[in-house]
């Protein structure tokens, strides 16, 4: 009987020590740190207990516009910008997450401190969008868009909005401005 209890206790300790804890800065297709595609807005204060959560309110709450929620470190640096699926609804889930701080990294090590070459080496770029002030690189594998400021591009490519960008147009050392994940589309 004593051996059975000791064995059960040892087995319980073994399985509880094997439990993998979630990295609070890991970015994957269905989660960003402790946030998942089913996290509700009302849970943000609990998830970011050591950080500051600031809700932007545009003045007229009856306008029904979506208000972004910014997450800051206690030291004041911006970490994330969250866009809820529904305005003024604490049970709403998150539609998109803009990742600003380089602490947040994809499973393959890509962060806002990475370059175009890092992205192209780690992921297959499915689409490149030519925007007014930036270029957005879509990566379907993780539902992410990496944004590169056009200031990182050669001068002859910055102003042509009709240009269909290809990977060869973007310098390897072009830095990521930020990236975001889209959920619940």
N, C-alpha and C. Protein backbone atom coordinates (compact mmCIF):
# COMPACT_ATOMS: atom_id res chain seq x y z
N UNK A 1 0.83 -1.19 0.00
CA UNK A 1 0.00 0.00 0.00
C UNK A 1 0.88 1.26 0.00
N UNK A 2 1.92 1.23 0.79
CA UNK A 2 2.83 2.36 0.89
C UNK A 2 3.53 2.59 -0.45
N UNK A 3 3.93 1.50 -1.12
CA UNK A 3 4.58 1.62 -2.42
C UNK A 3 3.62 2.19 -3.46
N UNK A 4 2.36 1.82 -3.40
CA UNK A 4 1.35 2.31 -4.33
C UNK A 4 1.17 3.82 -4.17
N UNK A 5 1.06 4.28 -2.95
CA UNK A 5 0.90 5.71 -2.69
C UNK A 5 2.14 6.47 -3.16
N UNK A 6 3.32 5.92 -2.84
CA UNK A 6 4.57 6.56 -3.25
C UNK A 6 4.68 6.61 -4.79
N UNK A 7 4.28 5.54 -5.44
CA UNK A 7 4.32 5.48 -6.91
C UNK A 7 3.36 6.49 -7.52
N UNK A 8 2.16 6.59 -6.99
CA UNK A 8 1.18 7.56 -7.49
C UNK A 8 1.67 8.99 -7.29
N UNK A 9 2.27 9.25 -6.15
CA UNK A 9 2.81 10.58 -5.87
C UNK A 9 3.94 10.91 -6.85
N UNK A 10 4.84 9.96 -7.07
CA UNK A 10 5.94 10.17 -8.01
C UNK A 10 5.42 10.38 -9.43
N UNK A 11 4.43 9.63 -9.81
CA UNK A 11 3.83 9.76 -11.15
C UNK A 11 3.16 11.12 -11.30
N UNK A 12 2.47 11.57 -10.28
CA UNK A 12 1.81 12.87 -10.31
C UNK A 12 2.84 13.98 -10.44
N UNK A 13 3.91 13.91 -9.68
CA UNK A 13 4.97 14.92 -9.78
C UNK A 13 5.61 14.91 -11.16
N UNK A 14 5.81 13.74 -11.73
CA UNK A 14 6.41 13.63 -13.05
C UNK A 14 5.55 14.32 -14.10
N UNK A 15 4.24 14.01 -14.10
CA UNK A 15 3.35 14.60 -15.11
C UNK A 15 3.16 16.09 -14.90
N UNK A 16 3.13 16.55 -13.66
CA UNK A 16 2.96 17.98 -13.44
C UNK A 16 4.21 18.76 -13.82
N UNK A 17 5.38 18.15 -13.73
CA UNK A 17 6.61 18.82 -14.13
C UNK A 17 6.77 18.84 -15.64
N UNK A 18 6.07 17.99 -16.36
CA UNK A 18 6.16 17.94 -17.81
C UNK A 18 5.28 18.99 -18.49
N UNK A 19 4.40 19.61 -17.73
CA UNK A 19 3.48 20.58 -18.31
C UNK A 19 4.27 21.78 -18.85
N UNK A 20 4.08 22.09 -20.12
CA UNK A 20 4.79 23.19 -20.76
C UNK A 20 4.05 24.49 -20.45
N UNK A 21 4.79 25.46 -19.95
CA UNK A 21 4.20 26.75 -19.64
C UNK A 21 4.27 27.64 -20.88
N UNK A 22 3.22 28.42 -21.12
CA UNK A 22 3.14 29.28 -22.29
C UNK A 22 4.13 30.43 -22.17
N UNK A 23 4.93 30.65 -23.21
CA UNK A 23 5.85 31.77 -23.28
C UNK A 23 5.02 33.05 -23.45
N UNK A 24 5.13 34.03 -22.55
CA UNK A 24 4.29 35.23 -22.64
C UNK A 24 4.64 36.15 -23.81
N UNK A 25 5.69 35.83 -24.58
CA UNK A 25 6.08 36.66 -25.71
C UNK A 25 6.13 35.90 -27.03
N UNK A 26 5.61 34.68 -27.06
CA UNK A 26 5.61 33.87 -28.29
C UNK A 26 4.44 34.26 -29.18
N UNK A 27 4.73 34.38 -30.47
CA UNK A 27 3.71 34.72 -31.46
C UNK A 27 3.51 33.52 -32.38
N UNK A 28 2.27 33.04 -32.46
CA UNK A 28 1.92 31.92 -33.35
C UNK A 28 0.58 32.24 -34.00
N UNK A 29 0.12 31.36 -34.84
CA UNK A 29 -1.11 31.59 -35.61
C UNK A 29 -2.32 31.85 -34.71
N UNK A 30 -2.46 31.12 -33.61
CA UNK A 30 -3.65 31.25 -32.77
C UNK A 30 -3.39 31.90 -31.41
N UNK A 31 -2.16 32.40 -31.18
CA UNK A 31 -1.92 33.11 -29.93
C UNK A 31 -0.76 34.10 -30.04
N UNK A 32 -0.84 35.12 -29.21
CA UNK A 32 0.25 36.07 -29.03
C UNK A 32 0.46 36.13 -27.53
N UNK A 33 1.54 35.51 -27.07
CA UNK A 33 1.75 35.41 -25.63
C UNK A 33 0.61 34.65 -25.00
N UNK A 34 -0.03 35.26 -24.01
CA UNK A 34 -1.15 34.62 -23.32
C UNK A 34 -2.50 34.93 -23.98
N UNK A 35 -2.50 35.76 -25.01
CA UNK A 35 -3.73 36.06 -25.75
C UNK A 35 -3.99 34.97 -26.78
N UNK A 36 -5.25 34.58 -26.90
CA UNK A 36 -5.64 33.63 -27.95
C UNK A 36 -6.72 34.25 -28.80
N UNK A 37 -7.10 33.56 -29.85
CA UNK A 37 -8.15 34.07 -30.71
C UNK A 37 -9.52 34.04 -30.04
N UNK A 38 -9.62 33.48 -28.84
CA UNK A 38 -10.89 33.47 -28.11
C UNK A 38 -10.83 34.31 -26.82
N UNK A 39 -9.74 35.04 -26.60
CA UNK A 39 -9.64 35.91 -25.42
C UNK A 39 -10.64 37.05 -25.54
N UNK A 40 -11.34 37.30 -24.44
CA UNK A 40 -12.32 38.39 -24.42
C UNK A 40 -11.69 39.65 -23.84
N UNK A 41 -12.19 40.79 -24.26
CA UNK A 41 -11.67 42.09 -23.84
C UNK A 41 -11.68 42.22 -22.31
N UNK A 42 -12.70 41.69 -21.67
CA UNK A 42 -12.81 41.80 -20.21
C UNK A 42 -11.66 41.09 -19.48
N UNK A 43 -10.95 40.19 -20.14
CA UNK A 43 -9.86 39.43 -19.51
C UNK A 43 -8.50 40.10 -19.64
N UNK A 44 -8.41 41.21 -20.34
CA UNK A 44 -7.11 41.83 -20.62
C UNK A 44 -6.41 42.32 -19.35
N UNK A 45 -7.15 42.90 -18.43
CA UNK A 45 -6.54 43.41 -17.18
C UNK A 45 -5.89 42.27 -16.40
N UNK A 46 -6.49 41.08 -16.44
CA UNK A 46 -5.94 39.92 -15.75
C UNK A 46 -4.70 39.40 -16.47
N UNK A 47 -4.75 39.34 -17.79
CA UNK A 47 -3.63 38.82 -18.58
C UNK A 47 -2.42 39.74 -18.48
N UNK A 48 -2.66 41.05 -18.52
CA UNK A 48 -1.58 42.03 -18.48
C UNK A 48 -1.51 42.70 -17.10
N UNK A 49 -1.52 41.88 -16.07
CA UNK A 49 -1.55 42.38 -14.70
C UNK A 49 -0.32 43.22 -14.36
N UNK A 50 0.82 42.93 -14.97
CA UNK A 50 2.06 43.68 -14.71
C UNK A 50 2.29 44.80 -15.71
N UNK A 51 1.35 45.01 -16.62
CA UNK A 51 1.47 46.05 -17.64
C UNK A 51 0.29 47.01 -17.52
N UNK A 52 0.23 47.98 -18.41
CA UNK A 52 -0.82 48.97 -18.38
C UNK A 52 -1.68 48.82 -19.64
N UNK A 53 -2.99 48.69 -19.46
CA UNK A 53 -3.92 48.55 -20.57
C UNK A 53 -4.70 49.86 -20.70
N UNK A 54 -4.58 50.50 -21.87
CA UNK A 54 -5.24 51.79 -22.10
C UNK A 54 -6.24 51.65 -23.24
N UNK A 55 -7.49 51.97 -22.95
CA UNK A 55 -8.52 51.93 -23.99
C UNK A 55 -8.68 53.33 -24.56
N UNK A 56 -8.62 53.42 -25.88
CA UNK A 56 -8.84 54.69 -26.54
C UNK A 56 -10.33 54.86 -26.77
N UNK A 57 -10.87 55.99 -26.32
CA UNK A 57 -12.28 56.28 -26.55
C UNK A 57 -12.36 57.56 -27.36
N UNK A 58 -13.02 57.50 -28.47
CA UNK A 58 -13.03 58.61 -29.42
C UNK A 58 -14.00 59.73 -29.06
N UNK A 59 -14.53 59.75 -27.88
CA UNK A 59 -15.40 60.84 -27.46
C UNK A 59 -16.87 60.47 -27.50
N UNK A 60 -17.38 60.08 -28.63
CA UNK A 60 -18.79 59.75 -28.73
C UNK A 60 -18.93 58.23 -28.81
N UNK A 61 -19.22 57.62 -27.69
CA UNK A 61 -19.34 56.18 -27.63
C UNK A 61 -20.50 55.64 -28.47
N UNK A 62 -21.42 56.53 -28.83
CA UNK A 62 -22.58 56.09 -29.60
C UNK A 62 -22.30 56.02 -31.09
N UNK A 63 -21.13 56.48 -31.49
CA UNK A 63 -20.76 56.42 -32.91
C UNK A 63 -20.56 54.99 -33.36
N UNK A 64 -20.22 54.10 -32.42
CA UNK A 64 -20.10 52.69 -32.74
C UNK A 64 -18.81 52.29 -33.41
N UNK A 65 -17.85 53.20 -33.48
CA UNK A 65 -16.57 52.87 -34.09
C UNK A 65 -15.74 51.96 -33.19
N UNK A 66 -14.87 51.17 -33.81
CA UNK A 66 -14.00 50.28 -33.05
C UNK A 66 -12.89 51.10 -32.41
N UNK A 67 -12.68 50.91 -31.13
CA UNK A 67 -11.62 51.60 -30.40
C UNK A 67 -10.48 50.65 -30.12
N UNK A 68 -9.29 51.07 -30.48
CA UNK A 68 -8.11 50.25 -30.22
C UNK A 68 -7.76 50.27 -28.74
N UNK A 69 -7.14 49.20 -28.30
CA UNK A 69 -6.69 49.07 -26.91
C UNK A 69 -5.18 48.93 -26.96
N UNK A 70 -4.48 49.81 -26.26
CA UNK A 70 -3.03 49.78 -26.27
C UNK A 70 -2.53 49.16 -24.97
N UNK A 71 -1.48 48.36 -25.08
CA UNK A 71 -0.86 47.73 -23.93
C UNK A 71 0.57 48.27 -23.82
N UNK A 72 0.88 48.82 -22.64
CA UNK A 72 2.19 49.41 -22.38
C UNK A 72 2.88 48.66 -21.26
N UNK A 73 4.22 48.65 -21.29
CA UNK A 73 4.99 48.21 -20.15
C UNK A 73 4.80 49.26 -19.06
N UNK A 74 5.06 48.90 -17.83
CA UNK A 74 4.97 49.87 -16.73
C UNK A 74 5.94 51.03 -16.93
N UNK A 75 7.01 50.81 -17.70
CA UNK A 75 7.99 51.86 -17.97
C UNK A 75 7.54 52.80 -19.09
N UNK A 76 6.41 52.52 -19.73
CA UNK A 76 5.85 53.41 -20.73
C UNK A 76 6.00 53.00 -22.17
N UNK A 77 6.83 51.99 -22.48
CA UNK A 77 6.98 51.56 -23.86
C UNK A 77 5.76 50.78 -24.32
N UNK A 78 5.33 51.06 -25.55
CA UNK A 78 4.17 50.37 -26.11
C UNK A 78 4.55 48.96 -26.52
N UNK A 79 3.74 47.98 -26.10
CA UNK A 79 3.95 46.58 -26.46
C UNK A 79 3.09 46.17 -27.64
N UNK A 80 1.78 46.38 -27.51
CA UNK A 80 0.79 45.88 -28.47
C UNK A 80 -0.32 46.89 -28.68
N UNK A 81 -1.01 46.77 -29.82
CA UNK A 81 -2.25 47.50 -30.05
C UNK A 81 -3.28 46.45 -30.47
N UNK A 82 -4.34 46.35 -29.69
CA UNK A 82 -5.38 45.34 -29.92
C UNK A 82 -6.62 46.01 -30.51
N UNK A 83 -7.22 45.36 -31.48
CA UNK A 83 -8.47 45.85 -32.05
C UNK A 83 -9.54 44.82 -31.76
N UNK A 84 -10.56 45.20 -30.96
CA UNK A 84 -11.64 44.26 -30.66
C UNK A 84 -12.54 44.05 -31.88
N UNK A 85 -13.20 42.92 -31.91
CA UNK A 85 -14.10 42.63 -33.03
C UNK A 85 -15.33 43.53 -32.99
N UNK A 86 -15.84 43.81 -31.78
CA UNK A 86 -17.02 44.66 -31.62
C UNK A 86 -16.71 45.80 -30.68
N UNK A 87 -17.21 46.99 -31.01
CA UNK A 87 -16.99 48.16 -30.17
C UNK A 87 -17.83 48.08 -28.90
N UNK A 88 -17.29 48.59 -27.82
CA UNK A 88 -18.01 48.75 -26.56
C UNK A 88 -18.64 47.46 -26.04
N UNK A 89 -17.97 46.34 -26.26
CA UNK A 89 -18.47 45.05 -25.82
C UNK A 89 -17.36 44.31 -25.09
N UNK A 90 -17.50 44.18 -23.78
CA UNK A 90 -16.44 43.56 -22.98
C UNK A 90 -16.31 42.06 -23.25
N UNK A 91 -17.31 41.47 -23.87
CA UNK A 91 -17.23 40.04 -24.20
C UNK A 91 -16.72 39.81 -25.62
N UNK A 92 -16.42 40.89 -26.32
CA UNK A 92 -15.89 40.78 -27.67
C UNK A 92 -14.51 40.13 -27.64
N UNK A 93 -14.19 39.42 -28.70
CA UNK A 93 -12.85 38.85 -28.84
C UNK A 93 -11.98 39.82 -29.65
N UNK A 94 -10.72 39.49 -29.76
CA UNK A 94 -9.77 40.36 -30.45
C UNK A 94 -9.75 40.02 -31.93
N UNK A 95 -9.88 41.05 -32.76
CA UNK A 95 -9.87 40.85 -34.21
C UNK A 95 -8.45 40.89 -34.77
N UNK A 96 -7.64 41.84 -34.27
CA UNK A 96 -6.26 41.92 -34.74
C UNK A 96 -5.35 42.42 -33.63
N UNK A 97 -4.08 42.06 -33.75
CA UNK A 97 -3.07 42.47 -32.77
C UNK A 97 -1.89 43.04 -33.54
N UNK A 98 -1.58 44.30 -33.26
CA UNK A 98 -0.40 44.93 -33.83
C UNK A 98 0.74 44.76 -32.82
N UNK A 99 1.84 44.18 -33.25
CA UNK A 99 2.97 43.89 -32.37
C UNK A 99 4.05 44.92 -32.62
N UNK A 100 4.40 45.64 -31.56
CA UNK A 100 5.35 46.74 -31.69
C UNK A 100 6.67 46.43 -31.00
N UNK A 101 6.62 45.82 -29.83
CA UNK A 101 7.82 45.58 -29.04
C UNK A 101 8.58 44.34 -29.53
N UNK A 102 9.92 44.43 -29.64
CA UNK A 102 10.70 43.28 -30.11
C UNK A 102 10.77 42.10 -29.14
N UNK A 103 10.22 42.24 -27.93
CA UNK A 103 10.13 41.10 -27.02
C UNK A 103 9.28 39.98 -27.61
N UNK A 104 8.27 40.36 -28.38
CA UNK A 104 7.37 39.39 -28.99
C UNK A 104 8.02 38.83 -30.24
N UNK A 105 8.16 37.50 -30.28
CA UNK A 105 8.81 36.82 -31.40
C UNK A 105 7.96 35.66 -31.87
N UNK A 106 8.01 35.42 -33.18
CA UNK A 106 7.33 34.25 -33.72
C UNK A 106 8.09 33.00 -33.29
N UNK A 107 7.48 31.85 -33.51
CA UNK A 107 8.13 30.58 -33.17
C UNK A 107 9.47 30.45 -33.89
N UNK A 108 9.58 31.08 -35.05
CA UNK A 108 10.83 31.02 -35.84
C UNK A 108 11.75 32.19 -35.55
N UNK A 109 11.47 32.95 -34.49
CA UNK A 109 12.38 34.00 -34.04
C UNK A 109 12.25 35.36 -34.69
N UNK A 110 11.18 35.62 -35.42
CA UNK A 110 11.00 36.91 -36.08
C UNK A 110 10.32 37.88 -35.12
N UNK A 111 10.88 39.11 -35.03
CA UNK A 111 10.32 40.16 -34.18
C UNK A 111 10.41 41.49 -34.93
N UNK A 112 10.04 42.57 -34.26
CA UNK A 112 10.16 43.88 -34.90
C UNK A 112 11.62 44.32 -35.03
N UNK A 113 12.54 43.57 -34.45
CA UNK A 113 13.97 43.85 -34.61
C UNK A 113 14.56 43.10 -35.80
N UNK A 114 13.73 42.33 -36.50
CA UNK A 114 14.19 41.53 -37.63
C UNK A 114 14.21 42.34 -38.92
N UNK A 115 14.77 41.75 -39.96
CA UNK A 115 14.85 42.39 -41.27
C UNK A 115 14.06 41.58 -42.30
N UNK A 116 13.95 42.15 -43.50
CA UNK A 116 13.27 41.44 -44.58
C UNK A 116 13.92 40.08 -44.84
N UNK A 117 15.25 40.05 -44.83
CA UNK A 117 15.95 38.79 -45.08
C UNK A 117 15.56 37.74 -44.04
N UNK A 118 15.41 38.15 -42.77
CA UNK A 118 15.01 37.22 -41.72
C UNK A 118 13.63 36.62 -42.01
N UNK A 119 12.70 37.48 -42.42
CA UNK A 119 11.34 37.01 -42.73
C UNK A 119 11.37 36.04 -43.91
N UNK A 120 12.04 36.46 -44.98
CA UNK A 120 12.09 35.64 -46.20
C UNK A 120 12.77 34.30 -45.96
N UNK A 121 13.72 34.25 -45.03
CA UNK A 121 14.40 33.00 -44.70
C UNK A 121 13.53 32.08 -43.86
N UNK A 122 12.68 32.66 -43.02
CA UNK A 122 11.89 31.87 -42.08
C UNK A 122 10.53 31.45 -42.64
N UNK A 123 9.93 32.28 -43.49
CA UNK A 123 8.57 32.04 -43.95
C UNK A 123 8.44 32.25 -45.46
N UNK A 124 7.41 31.64 -46.02
CA UNK A 124 7.07 31.88 -47.42
C UNK A 124 6.16 33.11 -47.46
N UNK A 125 6.58 34.13 -48.17
CA UNK A 125 5.79 35.35 -48.29
C UNK A 125 4.74 35.11 -49.36
N UNK A 126 3.47 35.20 -48.97
CA UNK A 126 2.38 34.87 -49.90
C UNK A 126 1.91 36.05 -50.73
N UNK A 127 2.14 37.28 -50.23
CA UNK A 127 1.66 38.45 -50.95
C UNK A 127 2.41 39.68 -50.46
N UNK A 128 2.65 40.64 -51.36
CA UNK A 128 3.26 41.92 -50.99
C UNK A 128 2.31 43.02 -51.45
N UNK A 129 1.87 43.85 -50.50
CA UNK A 129 0.96 44.96 -50.81
C UNK A 129 1.72 46.27 -50.80
N UNK A 130 1.48 47.08 -51.82
CA UNK A 130 2.09 48.40 -51.96
C UNK A 130 1.13 49.42 -51.35
N UNK A 131 1.47 49.94 -50.18
CA UNK A 131 0.63 50.92 -49.49
C UNK A 131 1.23 52.32 -49.67
N UNK A 132 0.59 53.34 -49.16
CA UNK A 132 1.07 54.71 -49.37
C UNK A 132 2.46 54.93 -48.77
N UNK A 133 2.64 54.61 -47.50
CA UNK A 133 3.92 54.87 -46.84
C UNK A 133 4.68 53.61 -46.46
N UNK A 134 4.16 52.45 -46.83
CA UNK A 134 4.80 51.21 -46.42
C UNK A 134 4.48 50.08 -47.39
N UNK A 135 5.15 48.97 -47.14
CA UNK A 135 4.93 47.74 -47.88
C UNK A 135 4.54 46.68 -46.85
N UNK A 136 3.47 45.93 -47.11
CA UNK A 136 3.01 44.89 -46.18
C UNK A 136 3.26 43.52 -46.79
N UNK A 137 3.96 42.68 -46.03
CA UNK A 137 4.29 41.33 -46.46
C UNK A 137 3.36 40.36 -45.76
N UNK A 138 2.54 39.63 -46.49
CA UNK A 138 1.61 38.67 -45.91
C UNK A 138 2.25 37.30 -45.80
N UNK A 139 2.08 36.68 -44.62
CA UNK A 139 2.57 35.33 -44.38
C UNK A 139 1.38 34.51 -43.89
N UNK A 140 0.80 33.71 -44.78
CA UNK A 140 -0.38 32.92 -44.45
C UNK A 140 -0.13 31.90 -43.35
N UNK A 141 1.08 31.37 -43.29
CA UNK A 141 1.42 30.32 -42.32
C UNK A 141 1.05 30.71 -40.89
N UNK A 142 1.18 32.00 -40.57
CA UNK A 142 0.84 32.45 -39.22
C UNK A 142 -0.19 33.58 -39.22
N UNK A 143 -0.88 33.81 -40.35
CA UNK A 143 -1.87 34.89 -40.48
C UNK A 143 -1.29 36.24 -40.09
N UNK A 144 -0.07 36.51 -40.51
CA UNK A 144 0.60 37.74 -40.12
C UNK A 144 0.91 38.61 -41.33
N UNK A 145 0.97 39.91 -41.06
CA UNK A 145 1.41 40.89 -42.05
C UNK A 145 2.55 41.68 -41.42
N UNK A 146 3.70 41.69 -42.09
CA UNK A 146 4.87 42.42 -41.63
C UNK A 146 4.94 43.71 -42.43
N UNK A 147 5.06 44.84 -41.73
CA UNK A 147 5.05 46.14 -42.38
C UNK A 147 6.45 46.73 -42.38
N UNK A 148 6.88 47.14 -43.58
CA UNK A 148 8.18 47.78 -43.76
C UNK A 148 7.94 49.18 -44.29
N UNK A 149 8.51 50.17 -43.63
CA UNK A 149 8.37 51.57 -44.04
C UNK A 149 9.05 51.75 -45.40
N UNK A 150 8.44 52.53 -46.28
CA UNK A 150 9.03 52.75 -47.60
C UNK A 150 10.36 53.51 -47.53
N UNK A 151 10.65 54.14 -46.40
CA UNK A 151 11.94 54.80 -46.22
C UNK A 151 13.08 53.78 -46.26
N UNK A 152 12.76 52.52 -46.03
CA UNK A 152 13.76 51.44 -46.07
C UNK A 152 14.06 50.98 -47.50
N UNK A 153 13.29 51.47 -48.46
CA UNK A 153 13.42 51.04 -49.86
C UNK A 153 14.26 52.03 -50.66
N UNK A 154 14.78 51.59 -51.80
CA UNK A 154 15.49 52.52 -52.68
C UNK A 154 14.55 53.66 -53.11
N UNK A 155 15.09 54.85 -53.31
CA UNK A 155 14.29 56.04 -53.61
C UNK A 155 13.39 55.86 -54.83
N UNK A 156 13.85 55.12 -55.84
CA UNK A 156 13.05 54.98 -57.06
C UNK A 156 11.81 54.09 -56.87
N UNK A 157 11.68 53.40 -55.72
CA UNK A 157 10.53 52.52 -55.48
C UNK A 157 9.53 53.09 -54.46
N UNK A 158 9.85 54.21 -53.87
CA UNK A 158 9.03 54.73 -52.77
C UNK A 158 7.72 55.36 -53.19
N UNK A 159 7.64 55.94 -54.35
CA UNK A 159 6.51 56.79 -54.69
C UNK A 159 5.57 56.22 -55.73
N UNK A 160 5.90 55.10 -56.33
CA UNK A 160 5.06 54.50 -57.37
C UNK A 160 4.03 53.57 -56.72
N UNK A 161 2.80 54.06 -56.57
CA UNK A 161 1.74 53.27 -55.93
C UNK A 161 1.21 52.16 -56.83
N UNK A 162 1.53 52.21 -58.11
CA UNK A 162 1.06 51.19 -59.04
C UNK A 162 2.05 50.04 -59.21
N UNK A 163 3.20 50.16 -58.58
CA UNK A 163 4.24 49.14 -58.71
C UNK A 163 3.82 47.85 -58.00
N UNK A 164 3.92 46.74 -58.71
CA UNK A 164 3.69 45.43 -58.10
C UNK A 164 5.02 44.97 -57.51
N UNK A 165 5.11 45.04 -56.20
CA UNK A 165 6.36 44.68 -55.53
C UNK A 165 6.61 43.19 -55.61
N UNK A 166 7.89 42.87 -55.76
CA UNK A 166 8.37 41.50 -55.70
C UNK A 166 9.42 41.46 -54.60
N UNK A 167 9.73 40.28 -54.16
CA UNK A 167 10.72 40.13 -53.08
C UNK A 167 12.06 40.74 -53.46
N UNK A 168 12.41 40.70 -54.73
CA UNK A 168 13.71 41.24 -55.17
C UNK A 168 13.78 42.76 -55.06
N UNK A 169 12.64 43.45 -54.95
CA UNK A 169 12.63 44.90 -54.81
C UNK A 169 13.01 45.36 -53.41
N UNK A 170 12.86 44.49 -52.43
CA UNK A 170 13.05 44.88 -51.03
C UNK A 170 14.46 44.49 -50.59
N UNK A 171 15.23 45.46 -50.08
CA UNK A 171 16.59 45.16 -49.62
C UNK A 171 16.58 44.18 -48.44
N UNK A 172 17.56 43.31 -48.38
CA UNK A 172 17.65 42.33 -47.30
C UNK A 172 17.68 42.98 -45.92
N UNK A 173 18.30 44.16 -45.81
CA UNK A 173 18.44 44.80 -44.50
C UNK A 173 17.28 45.74 -44.13
N UNK A 174 16.20 45.73 -44.93
CA UNK A 174 15.03 46.56 -44.61
C UNK A 174 14.41 46.08 -43.29
N UNK A 175 14.23 47.03 -42.36
CA UNK A 175 13.75 46.70 -41.03
C UNK A 175 12.23 46.66 -40.97
N UNK A 176 11.72 45.82 -40.08
CA UNK A 176 10.28 45.73 -39.85
C UNK A 176 9.87 46.91 -38.96
N UNK A 177 8.81 47.60 -39.35
CA UNK A 177 8.28 48.69 -38.54
C UNK A 177 7.41 48.11 -37.41
N UNK A 178 6.53 47.20 -37.80
CA UNK A 178 5.69 46.45 -36.86
C UNK A 178 5.07 45.30 -37.65
N UNK A 179 4.41 44.40 -36.94
CA UNK A 179 3.65 43.37 -37.64
C UNK A 179 2.37 43.10 -36.88
N UNK A 180 1.42 42.49 -37.57
CA UNK A 180 0.14 42.23 -36.91
C UNK A 180 -0.43 40.90 -37.36
N UNK A 181 -1.27 40.35 -36.50
CA UNK A 181 -1.99 39.12 -36.78
C UNK A 181 -3.47 39.44 -36.87
N UNK A 182 -4.14 38.79 -37.81
CA UNK A 182 -5.58 38.96 -37.97
C UNK A 182 -6.28 37.69 -37.51
N UNK A 183 -7.26 37.86 -36.64
CA UNK A 183 -8.05 36.74 -36.16
C UNK A 183 -9.52 36.99 -36.48
N UNK A 184 -10.31 35.94 -36.43
CA UNK A 184 -11.76 36.02 -36.57
C UNK A 184 -12.21 36.64 -37.87
N UNK A 185 -11.49 36.38 -38.95
CA UNK A 185 -11.90 36.90 -40.26
C UNK A 185 -12.90 35.97 -40.90
